[in-house]
Amino acid sequence: MSEDNFLAVADTTDIDLGQSQSVHVNGVDILICHTEEGVFAVEDLCTHAMIPLCGGEIQGNYITCPLHGAVFDLTDGSVQSPPAFEDLRTFELKIEGTMISVKNFKQE
């Protein structure tokens, strides 16, 4: 663990614009999403179907669940479209050069 409490998890060169990568940190799957407005991290678990969001379509700052089509805002995890009604958990990121680090957290 680094001195500033961030853990290196991915590299920006490995995640194309409009794509995502799932990483496992402290027992939680985190989805790192690359959008035109930046890189965001949310829990890789749809709050409706409890399946991974990895592979869901990213348009702008929104991701669509590949199973039932729930839509979430990647910037704050908020639900934008049913059938989900519970927001996604988000994670703080830091980018230095091309290295993406997630702030260390305790599992809820």
C-alpha atoms as a PDB file:
ATOM      1  CA  MET A   1       0.000   0.000   0.000  1.00  0.00           C
ATOM      2  CA  SER A   2       1.321   3.426  -0.842  1.00  0.00           C
ATOM      3  CA  GLU A   3       1.955   6.180   1.674  1.00  0.00           C
ATOM      4  CA  ASP A   4      -1.085   8.175   0.552  1.00  0.00           C
ATOM      5  CA  ASN A   5      -3.454   5.196   0.954  1.00  0.00           C
ATOM      6  CA  PHE A   6      -4.066   4.563  -2.761  1.00  0.00           C
ATOM      7  CA  LEU A   7      -3.596   1.179  -4.442  1.00  0.00           C
ATOM      8  CA  ALA A   8      -2.412   0.891  -8.063  1.00  0.00           C
ATOM      9  CA  VAL A   9      -5.009  -1.143  -9.995  1.00  0.00           C
ATOM     10  CA  ALA A  10      -4.771  -0.426 -13.744  1.00  0.00           C
ATOM     11  CA  ASP A  11      -3.113   1.548 -16.507  1.00  0.00           C
ATOM     12  CA  THR A  12      -4.944   4.062 -18.691  1.00  0.00           C
ATOM     13  CA  THR A  13      -3.261   2.650 -21.797  1.00  0.00           C
ATOM     14  CA  ASP A  14      -5.060  -0.675 -21.190  1.00  0.00           C
ATOM     15  CA  ILE A  15      -8.594   0.800 -21.182  1.00  0.00           C
ATOM     16  CA  ASP A  16      -9.761   2.317 -24.469  1.00  0.00           C
ATOM     17  CA  LEU A  17     -12.163   5.264 -24.523  1.00  0.00           C
ATOM     18  CA  GLY A  18     -15.703   4.004 -23.955  1.00  0.00           C
ATOM     19  CA  GLN A  19     -14.446   0.758 -22.415  1.00  0.00           C
ATOM     20  CA  SER A  20     -14.050  -0.630 -18.898  1.00  0.00           C
ATOM     21  CA  GLN A  21     -11.893  -3.023 -16.921  1.00  0.00           C
ATOM     22  CA  SER A  22     -12.867  -4.922 -13.784  1.00  0.00           C
ATOM     23  CA  VAL A  23     -10.324  -5.176 -10.964  1.00  0.00           C
ATOM     24  CA  HIS A  24     -10.558  -6.958  -7.607  1.00  0.00           C
ATOM     25  CA  VAL A  25      -9.612  -4.861  -4.537  1.00  0.00           C
ATOM     26  CA  ASN A  26     -10.164  -5.815  -0.877  1.00  0.00           C
ATOM     27  CA  GLY A  27     -12.804  -8.403  -1.782  1.00  0.00           C
ATOM     28  CA  VAL A  28     -14.746  -6.032  -4.068  1.00  0.00           C
ATOM     29  CA  ASP A  29     -14.927  -6.027  -7.870  1.00  0.00           C
ATOM     30  CA  ILE A  30     -14.423  -2.458  -9.087  1.00  0.00           C
ATOM     31  CA  LEU A  31     -15.183  -1.367 -12.638  1.00  0.00           C
ATOM     32  CA  ILE A  32     -12.755   1.227 -14.014  1.00  0.00           C
ATOM     33  CA  CYS A  33     -14.524   3.112 -16.834  1.00  0.00           C
ATOM     34  CA  HIS A  34     -12.832   5.394 -19.375  1.00  0.00           C
ATOM     35  CA  THR A  35     -15.128   8.160 -20.664  1.00  0.00           C
ATOM     36  CA  GLU A  36     -14.530  11.384 -22.576  1.00  0.00           C
ATOM     37  CA  GLU A  37     -14.818  13.269 -19.270  1.00  0.00           C
ATOM     38  CA  GLY A  38     -12.304  11.081 -17.460  1.00  0.00           C
ATOM     39  CA  VAL A  39     -11.873   7.800 -15.646  1.00  0.00           C
ATOM     40  CA  PHE A  40     -14.401   6.693 -13.026  1.00  0.00           C
ATOM     41  CA  ALA A  41     -14.713   3.736 -10.673  1.00  0.00           C
ATOM     42  CA  VAL A  42     -17.927   2.041  -9.536  1.00  0.00           C
ATOM     43  CA  GLU A  43     -18.680  -1.314  -7.977  1.00  0.00           C
ATOM     44  CA  ASP A  44     -18.871  -3.907 -10.753  1.00  0.00           C
ATOM     45  CA  LEU A  45     -22.282  -5.152  -9.636  1.00  0.00           C
ATOM     46  CA  CYS A  46     -25.676  -4.041 -10.924  1.00  0.00           C
ATOM     47  CA  THR A  47     -27.827  -3.144  -7.921  1.00  0.00           C
ATOM     48  CA  HIS A  48     -30.874  -4.672  -9.627  1.00  0.00           C
ATOM     49  CA  ALA A  49     -29.706  -8.012 -11.015  1.00  0.00           C
ATOM     50  CA  MET A  50     -26.543  -8.436  -8.899  1.00  0.00           C
ATOM     51  CA  ILE A  51     -24.507  -9.286 -12.000  1.00  0.00           C
ATOM     52  CA  PRO A  52     -21.303  -7.644 -13.241  1.00  0.00           C
ATOM     53  CA  LEU A  53     -21.638  -4.414 -15.226  1.00  0.00           C
ATOM     54  CA  CYS A  54     -18.396  -5.175 -17.047  1.00  0.00           C
ATOM     55  CA  GLY A  55     -19.236  -5.423 -20.714  1.00  0.00           C
ATOM     56  CA  GLY A  56     -22.127  -2.993 -20.384  1.00  0.00           C
ATOM     57  CA  GLU A  57     -22.325  -0.246 -22.997  1.00  0.00           C
ATOM     58  CA  ILE A  58     -20.771   3.080 -22.014  1.00  0.00           C
ATOM     59  CA  GLN A  59     -22.237   6.198 -23.638  1.00  0.00           C
ATOM     60  CA  GLY A  60     -20.976   9.530 -22.351  1.00  0.00           C
ATOM     61  CA  ASN A  61     -20.791   9.118 -18.564  1.00  0.00           C
ATOM     62  CA  TYR A  62     -23.471   6.414 -18.423  1.00  0.00           C
ATOM     63  CA  ILE A  63     -23.228   2.632 -18.313  1.00  0.00           C
ATOM     64  CA  THR A  64     -26.055   0.274 -19.205  1.00  0.00           C
ATOM     65  CA  CYS A  65     -26.393  -3.083 -17.456  1.00  0.00           C
ATOM     66  CA  PRO A  66     -25.973  -5.810 -20.082  1.00  0.00           C
ATOM     67  CA  LEU A  67     -28.791  -7.955 -18.613  1.00  0.00           C
ATOM     68  CA  HIS A  68     -31.887  -5.776 -18.031  1.00  0.00           C
ATOM     69  CA  GLY A  69     -30.788  -2.336 -19.258  1.00  0.00           C
ATOM     70  CA  ALA A  70     -30.597  -0.373 -16.004  1.00  0.00           C
ATOM     71  CA  VAL A  71     -28.578   2.809 -16.560  1.00  0.00           C
ATOM     72  CA  PHE A  72     -26.160   4.373 -14.058  1.00  0.00           C
ATOM     73  CA  ASP A  73     -24.213   7.655 -14.021  1.00  0.00           C
ATOM     74  CA  LEU A  74     -20.525   6.792 -13.690  1.00  0.00           C
ATOM     75  CA  THR A  75     -19.657  10.162 -12.131  1.00  0.00           C
ATOM     76  CA  ASP A  76     -21.694   9.578  -8.957  1.00  0.00           C
ATOM     77  CA  GLY A  77     -23.187   6.077  -9.266  1.00  0.00           C
ATOM     78  CA  SER A  78     -26.754   7.362  -9.430  1.00  0.00           C
ATOM     79  CA  VAL A  79     -29.502   5.348 -11.115  1.00  0.00           C
ATOM     80  CA  GLN A  80     -30.724   6.963 -14.331  1.00  0.00           C
ATOM     81  CA  SER A  81     -33.167   4.307 -15.537  1.00  0.00           C
ATOM     82  CA  PRO A  82     -35.010   1.323 -14.042  1.00  0.00           C
ATOM     83  CA  PRO A  83     -35.253  -1.526 -13.343  1.00  0.00           C
ATOM     84  CA  ALA A  84     -32.537  -0.567 -10.804  1.00  0.00           C
ATOM     85  CA  PHE A  85     -33.484   1.784  -7.986  1.00  0.00           C
ATOM     86  CA  GLU A  86     -30.357   1.642  -5.800  1.00  0.00           C
ATOM     87  CA  ASP A  87     -27.262   3.701  -6.688  1.00  0.00           C
ATOM     88  CA  LEU A  88     -23.873   2.130  -7.365  1.00  0.00           C
ATOM     89  CA  ARG A  89     -21.041   2.423  -4.864  1.00  0.00           C
ATOM     90  CA  THR A  90     -18.299   4.692  -6.204  1.00  0.00           C
ATOM     91  CA  PHE A  91     -14.577   4.800  -5.477  1.00  0.00           C
ATOM     92  CA  GLU A  92     -12.079   7.647  -5.439  1.00  0.00           C
ATOM     93  CA  LEU A  93      -9.359   7.435  -8.075  1.00  0.00           C
ATOM     94  CA  LYS A  94      -6.004   9.077  -8.604  1.00  0.00           C
ATOM     95  CA  ILE A  95      -4.174   9.072 -11.925  1.00  0.00           C
ATOM     96  CA  GLU A  96      -0.425   9.677 -12.052  1.00  0.00           C
ATOM     97  CA  GLY A  97       1.009   9.446 -15.538  1.00  0.00           C
ATOM     98  CA  THR A  98      -0.852   6.430 -16.879  1.00  0.00           C
ATOM     99  CA  MET A  99      -1.212   4.605 -13.544  1.00  0.00           C
ATOM    100  CA  ILE A 100      -4.750   4.425 -12.097  1.00  0.00           C
ATOM    101  CA  SER A 101      -4.963   4.010  -8.328  1.00  0.00           C
ATOM    102  CA  VAL A 102      -8.043   3.537  -6.168  1.00  0.00           C
ATOM    103  CA  LYS A 103      -8.286   4.944  -2.654  1.00  0.00           C
ATOM    104  CA  ASN A 104      -8.020   2.170  -0.094  1.00  0.00           C
ATOM    105  CA  PHE A 105     -11.333   1.419   1.599  1.00  0.00           C
ATOM    106  CA  LYS A 106     -12.909  -0.995   4.007  1.00  0.00           C
ATOM    107  CA  GLN A 107     -15.430  -3.452   2.651  1.00  0.00           C
ATOM    108  CA  GLU A 108     -18.990  -2.523   3.647  1.00  0.00           C
END
